[in-house]
Amino acid sequence: CGKEICCLKEIQVIDIYSKIYIKFSSFQSFINNLVSTIGRRRFRLERRRRTTFTKFTIWSCWLSVTAN
């Protein structure tokens, strides 16, 4: 399988995962907001961590493509 295709598939999987994760997180955040504002702050942190993870995965994927 071509490295670029593998890379695209990987990104698609991450995209699907993050969409599910966002839906779950917004629901979680909604519940947290009912409970307290501390929950909302935690949700914001969580979102930042997820985007960093996605960026890192795409970057490492791109690195492996260019290396070969």
C-alpha atoms as a PDB file:
ATOM      1  CA  CYS A   1       0.000   0.000   0.000  1.00  0.00           C
ATOM      2  CA  GLY A   2       1.270   3.486  -0.872  1.00  0.00           C
ATOM      3  CA  LYS A   3       2.481   5.479   2.128  1.00  0.00           C
ATOM      4  CA  GLU A   4       0.352   8.510   1.211  1.00  0.00           C
ATOM      5  CA  ILE A   5      -2.830   6.400   1.088  1.00  0.00           C
ATOM      6  CA  CYS A   6      -2.013   4.835   4.453  1.00  0.00           C
ATOM      7  CA  CYS A   7      -1.416   8.296   5.840  1.00  0.00           C
ATOM      8  CA  LEU A   8      -4.752   9.583   4.548  1.00  0.00           C
ATOM      9  CA  LYS A   9      -6.576   6.586   6.031  1.00  0.00           C
ATOM     10  CA  GLU A  10      -4.901   7.220   9.365  1.00  0.00           C
ATOM     11  CA  ILE A  11      -5.973  10.872   9.322  1.00  0.00           C
ATOM     12  CA  GLN A  12      -9.548   9.868   8.383  1.00  0.00           C
ATOM     13  CA  VAL A  13      -9.666   7.499  11.348  1.00  0.00           C
ATOM     14  CA  ILE A  14      -8.392  10.268  13.634  1.00  0.00           C
ATOM     15  CA  ASP A  15     -10.995  12.635  12.160  1.00  0.00           C
ATOM     16  CA  ILE A  16     -13.844  10.181  12.819  1.00  0.00           C
ATOM     17  CA  TYR A  17     -12.515   9.551  16.324  1.00  0.00           C
ATOM     18  CA  SER A  18     -12.257  13.251  17.131  1.00  0.00           C
ATOM     19  CA  LYS A  19     -15.803  13.894  15.828  1.00  0.00           C
ATOM     20  CA  ILE A  20     -17.147  11.195  18.156  1.00  0.00           C
ATOM     21  CA  TYR A  21     -14.936  12.554  20.929  1.00  0.00           C
ATOM     22  CA  ILE A  22     -16.226  16.123  20.416  1.00  0.00           C
ATOM     23  CA  LYS A  23     -19.849  14.914  20.564  1.00  0.00           C
ATOM     24  CA  PHE A  24     -19.135  13.003  23.754  1.00  0.00           C
ATOM     25  CA  SER A  25     -17.131  15.870  25.251  1.00  0.00           C
ATOM     26  CA  SER A  26     -19.802  18.488  24.537  1.00  0.00           C
ATOM     27  CA  PHE A  27     -22.351  16.246  26.246  1.00  0.00           C
ATOM     28  CA  GLN A  28     -19.933  15.760  29.127  1.00  0.00           C
ATOM     29  CA  SER A  29     -19.314  19.511  29.210  1.00  0.00           C
ATOM     30  CA  PHE A  30     -23.064  20.162  29.306  1.00  0.00           C
ATOM     31  CA  ILE A  31     -23.382  17.928  32.374  1.00  0.00           C
ATOM     32  CA  ASN A  32     -20.300  19.535  33.911  1.00  0.00           C
ATOM     33  CA  ASN A  33     -21.845  22.982  33.418  1.00  0.00           C
ATOM     34  CA  LEU A  34     -24.904  21.860  35.346  1.00  0.00           C
ATOM     35  CA  VAL A  35     -22.655  20.649  38.138  1.00  0.00           C
ATOM     36  CA  SER A  36     -20.073  23.476  38.221  1.00  0.00           C
ATOM     37  CA  THR A  37     -17.896  25.876  36.214  1.00  0.00           C
ATOM     38  CA  ILE A  38     -14.787  23.875  37.134  1.00  0.00           C
ATOM     39  CA  GLY A  39     -16.037  21.206  34.702  1.00  0.00           C
ATOM     40  CA  ARG A  40     -16.136  23.736  31.876  1.00  0.00           C
ATOM     41  CA  ARG A  41     -12.523  24.700  32.528  1.00  0.00           C
ATOM     42  CA  ARG A  42     -11.492  21.036  32.447  1.00  0.00           C
ATOM     43  CA  PHE A  43     -13.312  20.535  29.136  1.00  0.00           C
ATOM     44  CA  ARG A  44     -11.355  23.416  27.592  1.00  0.00           C
ATOM     45  CA  LEU A  45      -8.086  21.822  28.667  1.00  0.00           C
ATOM     46  CA  GLU A  46      -9.212  18.490  27.222  1.00  0.00           C
ATOM     47  CA  ARG A  47      -9.961  20.068  23.850  1.00  0.00           C
ATOM     48  CA  ARG A  48      -6.517  21.668  23.698  1.00  0.00           C
ATOM     49  CA  ARG A  49      -4.890  18.310  24.427  1.00  0.00           C
ATOM     50  CA  ARG A  50      -6.850  16.599  21.630  1.00  0.00           C
ATOM     51  CA  THR A  51      -5.827  19.091  18.923  1.00  0.00           C
ATOM     52  CA  THR A  52      -2.188  18.767  19.987  1.00  0.00           C
ATOM     53  CA  PHE A  53      -2.492  14.974  19.708  1.00  0.00           C
ATOM     54  CA  THR A  54      -4.009  15.208  16.202  1.00  0.00           C
ATOM     55  CA  LYS A  55      -1.323  17.644  15.044  1.00  0.00           C
ATOM     56  CA  PHE A  56       1.401  15.401  16.393  1.00  0.00           C
ATOM     57  CA  THR A  57      -0.053  12.278  14.723  1.00  0.00           C
ATOM     58  CA  ILE A  58      -0.347  13.993  11.330  1.00  0.00           C
ATOM     59  CA  TRP A  59       3.181  15.369  11.711  1.00  0.00           C
ATOM     60  CA  SER A  60       4.707  11.990  12.613  1.00  0.00           C
ATOM     61  CA  CYS A  61       2.744  10.395   9.774  1.00  0.00           C
ATOM     62  CA  TRP A  62       4.058  12.990   7.313  1.00  0.00           C
ATOM     63  CA  LEU A  63       7.568  12.387   8.647  1.00  0.00           C
ATOM     64  CA  SER A  64       7.357   8.636   7.945  1.00  0.00           C
ATOM     65  CA  VAL A  65       6.053   9.336   4.427  1.00  0.00           C
ATOM     66  CA  THR A  66       8.932  11.672   3.563  1.00  0.00           C
ATOM     67  CA  ALA A  67      11.502   9.392   5.194  1.00  0.00           C
ATOM     68  CA  ASN A  68      10.655   6.468   2.866  1.00  0.00           C
END
